[in-house]
């Protein structure tokens, strides 16, 4: 199933959805002690393995973190080679002093913003989608 590549369609139909809960980014040299079902996402870097996990699970496992995030899923299925969607929504969030960390899944893009900014980011993304020309 191919994803959408038309930028106007992507922005107009992105349908942001705020996932419940709080999420954290953690770096570890090994993740053998973390149940794989608890890991939302991971990326291996030279310095260590970054994982995204629910804050409550990180707390239960005694995992250190610095950033607590809200997780927003864009419900549009964007193509892995679409151009411009991330630039458009991240620029709009930046105009409102909201930083974002983006993870592209096969079916959807996922945006992590500071927990305190979750509701405001949703409002901004919904307005962007509604008014995008």
N, C-alpha and C. Protein backbone atom coordinates (compact mmCIF):
# COMPACT_ATOMS: atom_id res chain seq x y z
N UNK A 1 0.85 -1.18 0.00
CA UNK A 1 0.00 0.00 0.00
C UNK A 1 0.89 1.24 0.00
N UNK A 2 0.87 1.95 -1.09
CA UNK A 2 1.70 3.15 -1.23
C UNK A 2 1.09 4.30 -0.44
N UNK A 3 1.96 5.11 0.15
CA UNK A 3 1.51 6.27 0.89
C UNK A 3 1.31 7.47 -0.02
N UNK A 4 0.70 8.49 0.54
CA UNK A 4 0.42 9.74 -0.18
C UNK A 4 1.70 10.55 -0.35
N UNK A 5 1.87 11.18 -1.52
CA UNK A 5 3.02 12.04 -1.78
C UNK A 5 2.62 13.49 -2.04
N UNK A 6 1.36 13.75 -2.37
CA UNK A 6 0.90 15.11 -2.67
C UNK A 6 0.89 15.92 -1.38
N UNK A 7 1.73 16.96 -1.33
CA UNK A 7 1.91 17.72 -0.10
C UNK A 7 0.62 18.37 0.39
N UNK A 8 -0.15 18.96 -0.52
CA UNK A 8 -1.39 19.60 -0.11
C UNK A 8 -2.35 18.58 0.52
N UNK A 9 -2.46 17.41 -0.11
CA UNK A 9 -3.32 16.36 0.44
C UNK A 9 -2.81 15.89 1.81
N UNK A 10 -1.50 15.76 1.93
CA UNK A 10 -0.91 15.30 3.19
C UNK A 10 -1.26 16.24 4.34
N UNK A 11 -1.06 17.53 4.12
CA UNK A 11 -1.31 18.51 5.19
C UNK A 11 -2.80 18.60 5.48
N UNK A 12 -3.62 18.68 4.45
CA UNK A 12 -5.07 18.84 4.65
C UNK A 12 -5.70 17.64 5.34
N UNK A 13 -5.11 16.44 5.15
CA UNK A 13 -5.72 15.22 5.70
C UNK A 13 -4.87 14.57 6.78
N UNK A 14 -3.97 15.31 7.42
CA UNK A 14 -3.06 14.67 8.37
C UNK A 14 -3.74 14.19 9.66
N UNK A 15 -4.86 14.71 10.02
CA UNK A 15 -5.67 14.29 11.18
C UNK A 15 -4.81 13.94 12.41
N UNK A 16 -4.22 14.94 13.05
CA UNK A 16 -3.40 14.65 14.23
C UNK A 16 -4.23 14.05 15.36
N UNK A 17 -3.62 13.10 16.05
CA UNK A 17 -4.29 12.43 17.17
C UNK A 17 -3.33 12.41 18.35
N UNK A 18 -3.78 12.94 19.49
CA UNK A 18 -2.97 12.95 20.70
C UNK A 18 -3.15 11.62 21.43
N UNK A 19 -2.06 10.88 21.55
CA UNK A 19 -2.09 9.61 22.27
C UNK A 19 -2.07 9.89 23.77
N UNK A 20 -2.77 9.09 24.53
CA UNK A 20 -2.79 9.26 25.98
C UNK A 20 -1.44 8.89 26.57
N UNK A 21 -1.10 9.51 27.67
CA UNK A 21 0.10 9.14 28.40
C UNK A 21 1.26 10.11 28.23
N UNK A 22 2.37 9.72 28.84
CA UNK A 22 3.62 10.48 28.77
C UNK A 22 4.71 9.52 28.30
N UNK A 23 5.63 10.03 27.50
CA UNK A 23 6.65 9.21 26.86
C UNK A 23 8.02 9.84 27.07
N UNK A 24 9.04 8.98 27.14
CA UNK A 24 10.39 9.48 27.37
C UNK A 24 11.37 8.85 26.38
N UNK A 25 12.44 9.57 26.11
CA UNK A 25 13.53 9.09 25.28
C UNK A 25 14.68 8.73 26.23
N UNK A 26 15.23 7.55 26.05
CA UNK A 26 16.28 7.05 26.94
C UNK A 26 17.42 6.54 26.07
N UNK A 27 18.64 6.65 26.56
CA UNK A 27 19.76 6.03 25.88
C UNK A 27 20.40 5.00 26.82
N UNK A 28 20.72 3.86 26.25
CA UNK A 28 21.32 2.75 26.99
C UNK A 28 22.38 2.10 26.11
N UNK A 29 23.38 1.50 26.73
CA UNK A 29 24.38 0.77 25.96
C UNK A 29 23.85 -0.60 25.54
N UNK A 30 22.92 -1.14 26.32
CA UNK A 30 22.26 -2.40 26.01
C UNK A 30 20.80 -2.29 26.45
N UNK A 31 19.93 -2.92 25.69
CA UNK A 31 18.50 -2.91 26.07
C UNK A 31 18.00 -4.32 26.40
N UNK A 32 18.93 -5.22 26.66
CA UNK A 32 18.57 -6.60 26.97
C UNK A 32 17.67 -6.70 28.21
N UNK A 33 17.80 -5.75 29.14
CA UNK A 33 17.03 -5.76 30.38
C UNK A 33 15.66 -5.08 30.25
N UNK A 34 15.33 -4.62 29.06
CA UNK A 34 14.05 -3.93 28.84
C UNK A 34 13.18 -4.83 27.98
N UNK A 35 11.98 -5.19 28.46
CA UNK A 35 11.10 -6.04 27.65
C UNK A 35 10.80 -5.39 26.30
N UNK A 36 10.99 -6.14 25.23
CA UNK A 36 10.79 -5.57 23.89
C UNK A 36 9.37 -5.06 23.69
N UNK A 37 8.39 -5.65 24.33
CA UNK A 37 7.01 -5.18 24.21
C UNK A 37 6.81 -3.81 24.84
N UNK A 38 7.71 -3.39 25.71
CA UNK A 38 7.61 -2.08 26.35
C UNK A 38 8.23 -0.97 25.50
N UNK A 39 9.02 -1.33 24.50
CA UNK A 39 9.73 -0.35 23.68
C UNK A 39 8.83 0.11 22.53
N UNK A 40 8.56 1.40 22.51
CA UNK A 40 7.75 1.98 21.45
C UNK A 40 8.56 2.17 20.17
N UNK A 41 9.81 2.59 20.33
CA UNK A 41 10.69 2.79 19.18
C UNK A 41 12.13 2.73 19.63
N UNK A 42 13.02 2.44 18.69
CA UNK A 42 14.44 2.41 19.03
C UNK A 42 15.29 2.76 17.82
N UNK A 43 16.47 3.30 18.13
CA UNK A 43 17.44 3.63 17.09
C UNK A 43 18.84 3.45 17.65
N UNK A 44 19.67 2.73 16.92
CA UNK A 44 21.04 2.45 17.37
C UNK A 44 21.98 3.53 16.82
N UNK A 45 22.73 4.17 17.73
CA UNK A 45 23.74 5.15 17.38
C UNK A 45 25.09 4.66 17.92
N UNK A 46 26.18 5.26 17.49
CA UNK A 46 27.50 4.87 18.01
C UNK A 46 27.56 5.01 19.53
N UNK A 47 26.91 6.04 20.05
CA UNK A 47 27.01 6.34 21.48
C UNK A 47 26.11 5.45 22.35
N UNK A 48 25.12 4.81 21.75
CA UNK A 48 24.21 3.97 22.52
C UNK A 48 22.93 3.75 21.75
N UNK A 49 21.99 3.06 22.40
CA UNK A 49 20.70 2.77 21.79
C UNK A 49 19.66 3.71 22.39
N UNK A 50 19.02 4.50 21.54
CA UNK A 50 17.95 5.38 21.99
C UNK A 50 16.65 4.59 21.91
N UNK A 51 15.87 4.65 22.99
CA UNK A 51 14.55 4.03 22.95
C UNK A 51 13.51 5.06 23.38
N UNK A 52 12.30 4.85 22.89
CA UNK A 52 11.14 5.62 23.32
C UNK A 52 10.26 4.64 24.08
N UNK A 53 9.84 5.05 25.27
CA UNK A 53 9.09 4.16 26.14
C UNK A 53 8.12 5.00 26.98
N UNK A 54 7.04 4.39 27.42
CA UNK A 54 6.12 5.09 28.31
C UNK A 54 6.85 5.49 29.59
N UNK A 55 6.57 6.68 30.07
CA UNK A 55 7.24 7.18 31.28
C UNK A 55 7.03 6.25 32.46
N UNK A 56 5.83 5.74 32.66
CA UNK A 56 5.55 4.85 33.78
C UNK A 56 6.38 3.58 33.73
N UNK A 57 6.58 3.04 32.54
CA UNK A 57 7.40 1.83 32.40
C UNK A 57 8.87 2.15 32.67
N UNK A 58 9.32 3.32 32.21
CA UNK A 58 10.70 3.74 32.49
C UNK A 58 10.90 3.89 33.99
N UNK A 59 9.93 4.48 34.67
CA UNK A 59 10.02 4.65 36.11
C UNK A 59 10.08 3.29 36.81
N UNK A 60 9.23 2.36 36.40
CA UNK A 60 9.23 1.02 37.01
C UNK A 60 10.55 0.29 36.82
N UNK A 61 11.20 0.53 35.67
CA UNK A 61 12.48 -0.12 35.37
C UNK A 61 13.69 0.66 35.89
N UNK A 62 13.44 1.84 36.47
CA UNK A 62 14.52 2.67 36.99
C UNK A 62 15.40 3.26 35.91
N UNK A 63 14.81 3.54 34.75
CA UNK A 63 15.57 4.09 33.63
C UNK A 63 15.62 5.61 33.70
N UNK A 64 16.80 6.21 33.54
CA UNK A 64 16.91 7.67 33.62
C UNK A 64 16.45 8.34 32.32
N UNK A 65 15.85 9.51 32.45
CA UNK A 65 15.42 10.30 31.29
C UNK A 65 15.45 11.77 31.66
N UNK A 66 15.45 12.61 30.64
CA UNK A 66 15.47 14.06 30.85
C UNK A 66 14.26 14.75 30.23
N UNK A 67 13.65 14.14 29.25
CA UNK A 67 12.59 14.78 28.45
C UNK A 67 11.32 13.96 28.53
N UNK A 68 10.23 14.59 28.98
CA UNK A 68 8.93 13.92 29.03
C UNK A 68 8.07 14.53 27.92
N UNK A 69 7.48 13.66 27.11
CA UNK A 69 6.82 14.11 25.88
C UNK A 69 5.37 13.66 25.79
N UNK A 70 4.62 14.43 25.01
CA UNK A 70 3.33 14.00 24.49
C UNK A 70 3.60 13.41 23.11
N UNK A 71 2.79 12.45 22.71
CA UNK A 71 2.97 11.76 21.43
C UNK A 71 1.75 12.03 20.55
N UNK A 72 1.98 12.63 19.40
CA UNK A 72 0.93 12.93 18.43
C UNK A 72 1.18 12.09 17.18
N UNK A 73 0.14 11.40 16.73
CA UNK A 73 0.22 10.61 15.51
C UNK A 73 -0.54 11.34 14.40
N UNK A 74 0.09 11.49 13.24
CA UNK A 74 -0.61 12.03 12.07
C UNK A 74 -1.25 10.83 11.38
N UNK A 75 -2.57 10.83 11.27
CA UNK A 75 -3.31 9.66 10.81
C UNK A 75 -3.30 9.49 9.28
N UNK A 76 -2.63 10.37 8.56
CA UNK A 76 -2.49 10.21 7.11
C UNK A 76 -1.35 9.23 6.83
N UNK A 77 -1.51 8.36 5.85
CA UNK A 77 -0.44 7.43 5.46
C UNK A 77 0.43 8.13 4.43
N UNK A 78 1.51 8.71 4.91
CA UNK A 78 2.43 9.41 3.99
C UNK A 78 3.44 8.43 3.42
N UNK A 79 3.84 8.69 2.20
CA UNK A 79 4.87 7.89 1.55
C UNK A 79 6.21 8.14 2.23
N UNK A 80 7.05 7.10 2.28
CA UNK A 80 8.38 7.27 2.87
C UNK A 80 9.23 8.26 2.08
N UNK A 81 8.88 8.52 0.82
CA UNK A 81 9.66 9.49 0.05
C UNK A 81 8.90 10.77 -0.25
N UNK A 82 7.85 11.05 0.52
CA UNK A 82 7.16 12.34 0.35
C UNK A 82 8.08 13.46 0.82
N UNK A 83 7.87 14.63 0.25
CA UNK A 83 8.75 15.76 0.51
C UNK A 83 7.95 16.93 1.09
N UNK A 84 8.39 17.46 2.23
CA UNK A 84 7.87 18.72 2.73
C UNK A 84 6.96 18.67 3.94
N UNK A 85 6.33 17.54 4.23
CA UNK A 85 5.37 17.48 5.33
C UNK A 85 6.03 17.83 6.66
N UNK A 86 7.14 17.20 6.96
CA UNK A 86 7.82 17.48 8.23
C UNK A 86 8.22 18.94 8.32
N UNK A 87 8.73 19.50 7.23
CA UNK A 87 9.14 20.90 7.22
C UNK A 87 7.97 21.82 7.52
N UNK A 88 6.81 21.51 6.97
CA UNK A 88 5.65 22.38 7.16
C UNK A 88 5.16 22.34 8.60
N UNK A 89 4.94 21.14 9.15
CA UNK A 89 4.39 21.13 10.51
C UNK A 89 5.42 21.52 11.55
N UNK A 90 6.71 21.18 11.34
CA UNK A 90 7.72 21.57 12.33
C UNK A 90 7.94 23.08 12.32
N UNK A 91 7.85 23.71 11.15
CA UNK A 91 7.96 25.17 11.07
C UNK A 91 6.81 25.85 11.78
N UNK A 92 5.61 25.31 11.62
CA UNK A 92 4.43 25.88 12.27
C UNK A 92 4.54 25.74 13.79
N UNK A 93 5.00 24.61 14.25
CA UNK A 93 5.20 24.43 15.69
C UNK A 93 6.30 25.37 16.20
N UNK A 94 7.38 25.52 15.44
CA UNK A 94 8.48 26.40 15.84
C UNK A 94 8.02 27.85 15.96
N UNK A 95 7.13 28.29 15.07
CA UNK A 95 6.59 29.65 15.15
C UNK A 95 5.91 29.90 16.49
N UNK A 96 5.46 28.81 17.12
CA UNK A 96 4.78 28.89 18.40
C UNK A 96 5.66 28.41 19.55
N UNK A 97 6.98 28.41 19.29
CA UNK A 97 7.99 28.04 20.28
C UNK A 97 7.81 26.62 20.82
N UNK A 98 7.42 25.70 19.93
CA UNK A 98 7.28 24.30 20.30
C UNK A 98 8.26 23.47 19.47
N UNK A 99 9.19 22.84 20.15
CA UNK A 99 10.12 21.95 19.49
C UNK A 99 9.44 20.61 19.26
N UNK A 100 9.94 19.85 18.29
CA UNK A 100 9.36 18.53 18.05
C UNK A 100 10.42 17.54 17.63
N UNK A 101 10.19 16.31 17.99
CA UNK A 101 11.01 15.18 17.58
C UNK A 101 10.11 14.29 16.76
N UNK A 102 10.53 13.98 15.54
CA UNK A 102 9.67 13.26 14.61
C UNK A 102 10.22 11.87 14.34
N UNK A 103 9.32 10.89 14.37
CA UNK A 103 9.66 9.52 14.02
C UNK A 103 8.73 9.12 12.88
N UNK A 104 9.31 8.69 11.77
CA UNK A 104 8.50 8.25 10.64
C UNK A 104 8.35 6.74 10.69
N UNK A 105 7.11 6.29 10.88
CA UNK A 105 6.81 4.88 10.76
C UNK A 105 6.41 4.58 9.33
N UNK A 106 6.20 3.33 9.01
CA UNK A 106 5.81 2.98 7.65
C UNK A 106 4.47 3.60 7.28
N UNK A 107 3.52 3.60 8.20
CA UNK A 107 2.18 4.08 7.90
C UNK A 107 1.93 5.52 8.31
N UNK A 108 2.57 5.99 9.38
CA UNK A 108 2.26 7.31 9.92
C UNK A 108 3.52 8.01 10.42
N UNK A 109 3.42 9.33 10.52
CA UNK A 109 4.45 10.13 11.16
C UNK A 109 4.02 10.36 12.60
N UNK A 110 5.00 10.35 13.50
CA UNK A 110 4.74 10.51 14.93
C UNK A 110 5.56 11.68 15.44
N UNK A 111 4.91 12.57 16.17
CA UNK A 111 5.55 13.79 16.64
C UNK A 111 5.56 13.76 18.16
N UNK A 112 6.73 13.97 18.74
CA UNK A 112 6.87 14.03 20.19
C UNK A 112 7.21 15.48 20.56
N UNK A 113 6.39 16.07 21.41
CA UNK A 113 6.60 17.44 21.87
C UNK A 113 6.65 17.42 23.39
N UNK A 114 7.21 18.46 23.97
CA UNK A 114 7.23 18.55 25.43
C UNK A 114 5.83 18.33 25.97
N UNK A 115 5.73 17.56 27.04
CA UNK A 115 4.43 17.20 27.61
C UNK A 115 3.55 18.43 27.84
N UNK A 116 4.14 19.52 28.31
CA UNK A 116 3.37 20.73 28.59
C UNK A 116 2.79 21.37 27.32
N UNK A 117 3.31 21.00 26.14
CA UNK A 117 2.89 21.61 24.88
C UNK A 117 1.93 20.73 24.07
N UNK A 118 1.56 19.57 24.57
CA UNK A 118 0.77 18.62 23.80
C UNK A 118 -0.54 19.17 23.27
N UNK A 119 -1.34 19.75 24.15
CA UNK A 119 -2.65 20.28 23.74
C UNK A 119 -2.50 21.45 22.77
N UNK A 120 -1.55 22.34 23.04
CA UNK A 120 -1.33 23.48 22.15
C UNK A 120 -0.82 23.02 20.78
N UNK A 121 0.06 22.02 20.76
CA UNK A 121 0.55 21.49 19.49
C UNK A 121 -0.60 20.89 18.68
N UNK A 122 -1.50 20.21 19.35
CA UNK A 122 -2.67 19.65 18.67
C UNK A 122 -3.50 20.75 18.02
N UNK A 123 -3.75 21.81 18.77
CA UNK A 123 -4.54 22.93 18.24
C UNK A 123 -3.85 23.53 17.01
N UNK A 124 -2.54 23.71 17.08
CA UNK A 124 -1.78 24.29 15.98
C UNK A 124 -1.83 23.39 14.75
N UNK A 125 -1.65 22.10 14.94
CA UNK A 125 -1.67 21.15 13.82
C UNK A 125 -3.06 21.05 13.20
N UNK A 126 -4.10 21.09 14.01
CA UNK A 126 -5.48 21.06 13.49
C UNK A 126 -5.78 22.31 12.68
N UNK A 127 -5.34 23.47 13.17
CA UNK A 127 -5.54 24.72 12.43
C UNK A 127 -4.75 24.70 11.12
N UNK A 128 -3.52 24.23 11.16
CA UNK A 128 -2.71 24.12 9.95
C UNK A 128 -3.41 23.26 8.91
N UNK A 129 -3.89 22.12 9.33
CA UNK A 129 -4.55 21.20 8.42
C UNK A 129 -5.82 21.84 7.82
N UNK A 130 -6.57 22.51 8.64
CA UNK A 130 -7.83 23.12 8.19
C UNK A 130 -7.60 24.28 7.23
N UNK A 131 -6.53 25.04 7.43
CA UNK A 131 -6.33 26.28 6.66
C UNK A 131 -5.24 26.20 5.61
N UNK A 132 -4.64 25.05 5.41
CA UNK A 132 -3.51 24.94 4.48
C UNK A 132 -3.97 25.12 3.04
N UNK A 133 -3.28 25.96 2.32
CA UNK A 133 -3.58 26.20 0.90
C UNK A 133 -2.51 25.57 0.11
